[in-house]
Protein backbone atom coordinates (compact mmCIF):
# COMPACT_ATOMS: atom_id res chain seq x y z
CA MET A 1 9.14 2.26 -3.63
CA PRO A 2 7.04 -0.24 -1.61
CA LEU A 3 4.52 0.89 1.00
CA PHE A 4 3.14 -1.39 3.72
CA LEU A 5 0.40 -1.00 6.31
CA ARG A 6 1.44 -2.64 9.59
CA PRO A 7 -1.28 -2.85 12.27
CA VAL A 8 -0.16 -2.52 15.87
CA GLU A 9 -1.99 -4.81 18.27
CA PRO A 10 -3.60 -2.89 21.17
CA THR A 11 -2.04 -5.26 23.69
CA LEU A 12 1.43 -4.74 22.19
CA TRP A 13 0.99 -0.97 22.20
CA SER A 14 -0.14 -1.02 25.83
CA GLN A 15 2.83 -3.15 26.88
CA MET A 16 5.27 -0.87 25.06
CA ARG A 17 3.89 2.24 26.70
CA LYS A 18 4.28 0.61 30.09
CA GLY A 19 7.79 -0.61 29.26
CA GLU A 20 6.73 -4.25 29.58
CA SER A 21 7.64 -5.12 26.00
CA LYS A 22 10.21 -3.94 23.47
CA TRP A 23 9.85 -3.29 19.78
CA THR A 24 11.17 -5.88 17.35
CA CYS A 25 11.42 -5.54 13.60
CA ALA A 26 9.63 -8.87 13.22
CA SER A 27 6.42 -6.82 13.45
CA LEU A 28 7.46 -5.10 10.24
CA GLY A 29 8.24 -8.31 8.41
CA HIS A 30 11.99 -8.20 9.09
CA PRO A 31 12.61 -10.96 11.66
CA HIS A 32 16.36 -10.98 10.99
CA CYS A 33 16.88 -7.28 11.67
CA SER A 34 18.36 -6.61 15.08
CA CYS A 35 19.60 -3.05 14.64
CA LYS A 36 19.28 -0.80 17.67
CA CYS A 37 18.26 2.25 15.68
CA CYS A 38 14.93 0.61 14.78
CA ALA A 39 14.06 0.01 18.42
CA LYS A 40 15.16 3.51 19.42
CA ALA A 41 13.22 5.12 16.60
CA PHE A 42 10.03 3.31 17.53
CA ALA A 43 10.51 4.01 21.22
CA ARG A 44 10.84 7.71 20.48
CA MET A 45 7.75 7.60 18.29
CA SER A 46 5.70 5.79 20.93
CA ARG A 47 6.69 8.20 23.69
CA THR A 48 6.04 11.44 21.83
CA PRO A 49 2.79 11.79 19.88
CA PRO A 50 2.75 14.71 17.42
CA SER A 51 1.70 17.93 19.15
CA GLU A 52 0.52 19.63 15.95
CA PRO A 53 -1.80 18.25 13.23
CA GLY A 54 0.60 19.29 10.47
CA VAL A 55 3.65 17.54 11.92
CA ILE A 56 4.78 14.42 10.11
CA ASP A 57 6.03 12.22 12.93
CA PHE A 58 8.28 9.57 11.42
CA ALA A 59 11.44 7.65 12.16
CA ALA A 60 13.92 6.65 9.45
CA CYS A 61 15.64 3.34 9.96
CA PRO A 62 17.18 0.54 7.83
CA CYS A 63 13.80 -1.23 7.76
CA GLY A 64 12.17 1.77 6.14
CA THR A 65 10.52 4.99 7.21
CA LEU A 66 7.79 4.48 9.80
CA VAL A 67 4.81 6.84 9.81
CA PRO A 68 2.32 6.36 12.66
CA ILE A 69 -1.45 6.18 12.31
CA ARG A 70 -3.08 7.25 15.53
CA SER A 71 -6.53 7.17 17.05
CA GLY A 72 -6.30 10.01 19.51
CA THR A 73 -2.96 9.39 21.23
CA ASP A 74 -3.02 5.63 20.69
CA LEU A 75 -0.90 4.11 17.95
CA VAL A 76 -3.09 1.76 15.87
CA ALA A 77 -0.89 1.12 12.82
CA LEU A 78 2.27 2.08 10.96
CA LEU A 79 2.80 2.99 7.35
CA GLN A 80 6.18 1.61 6.34
CA LEU A 81 7.87 3.17 3.34
CA GLY A 82 10.56 0.91 1.97
CA PRO A 83 12.87 -0.80 2.05
CA ALA A 84 14.03 0.15 -1.42
CA GLY A 85 16.82 -1.49 -3.33
CA ASP A 86 18.38 -4.91 -3.10
CA GLU A 87 17.63 -6.66 0.18
CA SER A 88 20.77 -8.74 -0.19
CA ALA A 89 23.00 -5.67 -0.47
CA PRO A 90 25.08 -4.58 2.52
CA LEU A 91 23.15 -2.58 5.07
CA ARG A 92 25.24 0.54 4.52
CA CYS A 93 24.22 0.46 0.82
CA ARG A 94 20.54 0.27 1.67
CA LYS A 95 20.38 3.18 4.09
CA ARG A 96 18.35 6.04 2.68
CA SER A 97 19.54 9.60 2.94
CA CYS A 98 16.92 12.15 4.02
CA LYS A 99 18.74 14.60 1.75
CA ASN A 100 17.38 12.74 -1.23
CA GLN A 101 14.66 14.98 -2.63
CA ARG A 102 12.53 12.21 -4.12
CA TYR A 103 12.62 10.19 -0.95
CA ARG A 104 11.71 13.18 1.20
CA ALA A 105 8.78 13.89 -1.13
CA ALA A 106 7.61 10.30 -0.78
CA VAL A 107 7.83 10.53 3.01
CA LYS A 108 5.75 13.71 2.95
CA LEU A 109 3.04 12.05 0.85
CA VAL A 110 2.96 9.04 3.16
CA GLY A 111 2.70 11.40 6.13
CA ILE A 112 -0.30 13.14 4.58
CA PHE A 113 -1.91 9.77 3.87
CA ALA A 114 -1.32 8.71 7.47
CA GLN A 115 -2.94 11.90 8.73
CA GLN A 116 -6.01 11.19 6.61
CA LEU A 117 -6.23 7.66 7.96
CA SER A 118 -5.88 8.99 11.50
CA GLY A 119 -8.75 11.38 10.81
CA LEU A 120 -10.93 8.51 9.61
CA CYS A 121 -10.09 6.55 12.76
CA ASN A 122 -11.23 9.48 14.88
CA GLN A 123 -14.44 9.83 12.88
CA LEU A 124 -15.25 6.16 13.45
CA VAL A 125 -14.69 6.59 17.17
CA VAL A 126 -16.99 9.61 17.27
CA GLN A 127 -19.67 7.78 15.31
CA ALA A 128 -19.49 4.87 17.72
CA GLN A 129 -19.80 7.23 20.68
CA THR A 130 -22.78 9.05 19.20
CA ALA A 131 -24.63 5.93 18.08
CA GLU A 132 -28.42 6.20 18.05
CA PRO A 133 -30.27 5.04 21.16
CA GLU A 134 -31.96 1.67 21.08
CA THR A 135 -35.35 3.40 21.03
CA ILE A 136 -34.59 5.19 17.76
CA ARG A 137 -33.16 2.06 16.17
CA CYS A 138 -36.32 0.15 17.04
CA ALA A 139 -38.46 2.97 15.66
CA LYS A 140 -36.60 2.88 12.34
CA GLU A 141 -36.98 -0.89 12.15
CA PHE A 142 -40.72 -0.51 12.76
CA ILE A 143 -40.93 2.06 9.96
CA ALA A 144 -39.03 -0.20 7.58
CA GLN A 145 -41.42 -3.08 8.29
CA HIS A 146 -44.70 -1.13 8.30
CA TYR A 147 -44.14 1.81 5.93
CA ALA A 148 -46.91 0.55 3.61
CA GLU A 149 -49.47 0.82 6.41
CA ASP A 150 -51.22 3.91 7.74
CA ILE A 151 -48.85 4.39 10.66
CA SER A 152 -48.36 7.46 12.81
CA SER A 153 -45.90 8.69 15.40
CA GLY A 154 -48.50 7.91 18.04
CA ARG A 155 -48.66 4.28 17.02
CA VAL A 156 -44.88 3.89 17.04
CA ALA A 157 -44.66 5.63 20.41
CA GLN A 158 -47.25 3.22 21.75
CA GLU A 159 -45.24 0.26 20.45
CA LEU A 160 -42.20 1.61 22.30
CA HIS A 161 -44.18 2.40 25.46
CA LEU A 162 -43.41 6.12 25.24
CA SER A 163 -45.50 9.23 25.16
CA ARG A 164 -45.98 10.66 21.69
CA PHE A 165 -44.45 14.01 22.66
CA TYR A 166 -41.32 12.46 24.16
CA PHE A 167 -40.88 10.09 21.22
CA CYS A 168 -41.19 12.85 18.61
CA THR A 169 -38.79 15.09 20.50
CA LEU A 170 -36.23 12.31 20.91
CA PHE A 171 -36.56 11.24 17.27
CA LYS A 172 -35.94 14.76 15.96
CA LYS A 173 -33.02 15.27 18.33
CA CYS A 174 -31.27 12.03 17.33
CA THR A 175 -31.96 12.00 13.57
CA GLY A 176 -32.26 15.67 12.68
CA ILE A 177 -35.60 15.08 10.94
CA THR A 178 -39.14 14.48 12.15
CA PHE A 179 -40.84 11.10 12.28
CA THR A 180 -43.08 12.07 9.36
CA GLU A 181 -40.11 13.14 7.24
CA CYS A 182 -38.34 9.86 7.94
CA LEU A 183 -41.42 7.81 7.07
CA THR A 184 -41.90 9.77 3.85
CA ARG A 185 -38.29 9.27 2.77
CA VAL A 186 -38.48 5.53 3.41
CA ARG A 187 -41.63 5.34 1.30
CA ILE A 188 -40.13 7.38 -1.56
CA GLU A 189 -37.04 5.15 -1.67
CA ARG A 190 -39.33 2.14 -2.02
CA VAL A 191 -41.29 3.96 -4.71
CA LYS A 192 -38.11 4.48 -6.71
CA GLU A 193 -37.47 0.74 -6.66
CA LEU A 194 -41.02 -0.10 -7.77
CA LEU A 195 -40.95 2.45 -10.59
CA LEU A 196 -38.32 0.32 -12.28
CA ASN A 197 -41.04 -2.29 -12.82
CA PRO A 198 -42.89 -1.18 -16.00
CA THR A 199 -45.88 -3.44 -15.28
CA LEU A 200 -46.90 -1.47 -12.19
CA ARG A 201 -49.03 1.63 -12.56
CA ILE A 202 -47.95 4.72 -10.68
CA SER A 203 -51.23 4.82 -8.75
CA GLU A 204 -50.68 1.22 -7.63
CA ILE A 205 -47.18 2.03 -6.45
CA ALA A 206 -48.43 5.04 -4.49
CA PHE A 207 -51.00 3.05 -2.55
CA GLN A 208 -48.69 0.06 -2.08
CA THR A 209 -46.16 2.27 -0.33
CA GLY A 210 -48.59 3.81 2.14
CA PHE A 211 -49.70 7.02 0.40
CA GLN A 212 -53.42 7.65 0.86
CA SER A 213 -53.74 10.30 -1.84
CA LEU A 214 -52.31 10.28 -5.35
CA THR A 215 -52.15 14.08 -5.38
CA HIS A 216 -50.20 14.11 -2.13
CA PHE A 217 -47.92 11.38 -3.44
CA ASN A 218 -47.09 13.28 -6.63
CA ARG A 219 -46.37 16.47 -4.67
CA VAL A 220 -44.11 14.71 -2.16
CA PHE A 221 -42.22 12.80 -4.86
CA LEU A 222 -41.61 16.01 -6.83
CA THR A 223 -40.41 17.80 -3.68
CA LEU A 224 -37.91 15.11 -2.71
CA THR A 225 -36.62 14.11 -6.15
CA GLY A 226 -37.13 17.22 -8.27
CA GLN A 227 -39.13 15.32 -10.86
CA SER A 228 -42.49 13.63 -11.24
CA PRO A 229 -42.86 9.84 -10.89
CA THR A 230 -43.42 9.58 -14.64
CA GLU A 231 -40.28 11.57 -15.44
CA TYR A 232 -38.27 9.48 -12.97
CA ARG A 233 -39.49 6.27 -14.61
CA VAL A 234 -38.64 7.47 -18.11
CA ARG A 235 -35.15 8.63 -17.13
CA SER A 236 -34.50 5.40 -15.24
CA ARG A 237 -35.32 3.39 -18.33
CA ALA A 238 -33.02 5.56 -20.43
CA THR A 239 -30.07 4.84 -18.16
């Protein structure tokens, strides 16, 4: 049974909600369908968003079963189940009965899939709304470019024209970790890459990535990875 993902243009959705435009089955790849039940089904769907998360809001029509994917209350796409059978057969032969157990099971699965997609849409919206401030993004870029140097939170704060206290507080609030923790993790990730090169000694790698003490480097690497640099190198070669 075929399944299609049909995006709904924001402008089209806005016009439909205002009554300025009407639904046509051409949007579902059926330009020759002019049945009224399709338009009515979509109109009902567009007017009444599901009130409960577990509700499968769908409309059965000759073009297939339409399951909405929403971002909040906005309709962003449709999952179209069907049509099944011979497209050249008479319309009455292609209408699906909701009493069919297999078809109802398929509709339920599509509904669950649509709910998951709707959840992902909402997550993307939240992530966009809680994006890191420009200051934090610039700080991370500075770390990525200068991690091999002896840098401190005070130096980065100075580069950003902020007080050290305010910068450290803002960094922890936005990232969940301190500046020092972030710098250390960036360095360790670079260390992992360099350990794949068998010609480099571990001491060389430590100093190349900004660690000032080999003892401190070994302790930090063990804490973050659960193994020593030598063990990590050996296991990396084995895989």
